[in-house]
Protein backbone atom coordinates (compact mmCIF):
# COMPACT_ATOMS: atom_id res chain seq x y z
CA MET A 1 -5.46 3.14 -40.59
CA MET A 2 -8.86 1.45 -40.82
CA ASP A 3 -11.63 1.99 -38.31
CA LEU A 4 -13.72 -1.01 -37.35
CA THR A 5 -17.36 0.03 -37.12
CA PHE A 6 -20.01 -1.95 -35.30
CA GLY A 7 -23.21 -0.53 -36.71
CA LYS A 8 -24.95 0.76 -39.77
CA VAL A 9 -23.06 1.17 -43.00
CA PHE A 10 -24.99 4.02 -44.58
CA LYS A 11 -28.48 5.29 -45.22
CA SER A 12 -29.76 6.45 -48.56
CA ARG A 13 -32.71 4.76 -50.32
CA SER A 14 -35.01 3.19 -47.74
CA GLU A 15 -33.27 2.38 -44.49
CA ALA A 16 -34.23 -1.31 -44.65
CA GLU A 17 -32.47 -1.69 -48.01
CA THR A 18 -29.23 0.12 -47.16
CA GLU A 19 -28.53 -0.86 -43.58
CA ILE A 20 -25.85 -3.49 -42.90
CA LEU A 21 -25.19 -4.64 -39.35
CA ILE A 22 -22.69 -7.05 -37.88
CA GLY A 23 -24.35 -10.47 -37.99
CA ASP A 24 -26.55 -9.77 -41.05
CA LEU A 25 -26.87 -12.74 -43.43
CA PHE A 26 -26.67 -12.60 -47.22
CA VAL A 27 -26.88 -15.20 -49.99
CA GLY A 28 -24.04 -14.82 -52.47
CA PRO A 29 -24.03 -15.15 -56.27
CA GLY A 30 -22.73 -17.93 -58.54
CA LYS A 31 -19.64 -19.69 -57.19
CA LYS A 32 -19.93 -17.64 -53.99
CA ARG A 33 -23.41 -19.11 -53.40
CA GLY A 34 -24.17 -19.91 -49.80
CA ILE A 35 -24.87 -17.96 -46.65
CA TRP A 36 -22.44 -15.14 -45.82
CA THR A 37 -22.38 -13.46 -42.40
CA VAL A 38 -21.22 -9.85 -41.94
CA ARG A 39 -18.36 -9.99 -39.40
CA ALA A 40 -16.98 -6.43 -39.67
CA VAL A 41 -17.56 -3.07 -41.31
CA TYR A 42 -14.50 -1.06 -42.37
CA ARG A 43 -14.41 2.66 -43.03
CA ARG A 44 -11.42 4.62 -44.24
CA MET A 45 -11.51 8.27 -45.17
CA GLY A 46 -11.57 8.72 -48.93
CA LEU A 47 -12.47 5.08 -49.68
CA PRO A 48 -15.82 3.30 -49.99
CA THR A 49 -17.10 1.42 -46.94
CA HIS A 50 -16.23 -2.30 -47.01
CA VAL A 51 -17.58 -5.31 -45.14
CA ARG A 52 -15.91 -8.58 -44.15
CA LEU A 53 -18.06 -11.60 -44.94
CA ASP A 54 -17.63 -15.05 -43.42
CA GLY A 55 -18.85 -18.05 -45.40
CA GLY A 56 -18.69 -20.47 -42.50
CA CYS A 57 -15.15 -21.83 -42.83
CA ALA A 58 -11.60 -20.45 -42.93
CA ASP A 59 -11.24 -20.49 -46.72
CA ARG A 60 -14.60 -18.74 -47.27
CA GLU A 61 -13.94 -15.18 -46.15
CA MET A 62 -13.87 -12.03 -48.23
CA THR A 63 -13.78 -8.28 -47.81
CA ILE A 64 -15.76 -6.35 -50.42
CA ALA A 65 -17.39 -2.95 -50.89
CA ALA A 66 -20.65 -2.57 -48.97
CA SER A 67 -22.31 -1.34 -52.17
CA VAL A 68 -21.68 -4.76 -53.75
CA VAL A 69 -23.44 -6.56 -50.90
CA LEU A 70 -26.37 -4.15 -51.18
CA ASP A 71 -26.70 -4.67 -54.96
CA ARG A 72 -29.69 -7.02 -55.30
CA ARG A 73 -28.32 -8.34 -58.58
CA LEU A 74 -25.31 -9.74 -56.70
CA PHE A 75 -26.42 -10.55 -53.15
CA ARG A 76 -29.73 -10.88 -51.38
CA ARG A 77 -30.59 -10.98 -47.71
CA ALA A 78 -31.00 -14.46 -46.26
């Protein structure tokens, strides 16, 4: 069963770089370009933390590992 978390994802490097909150905005890469809003944070024991991103319409949603969103080569904060 997945827990829905409304708060920080994790802290490691500097807190500003590794903190993801509901409502944070990111710009996606390549075909996923555009503004993505964090709608949920999912944690499940034994699995990496994931986030649900909303691209502004029903067919632009995705759930991916939080580490992907925090990788500056793939996403950047809006």
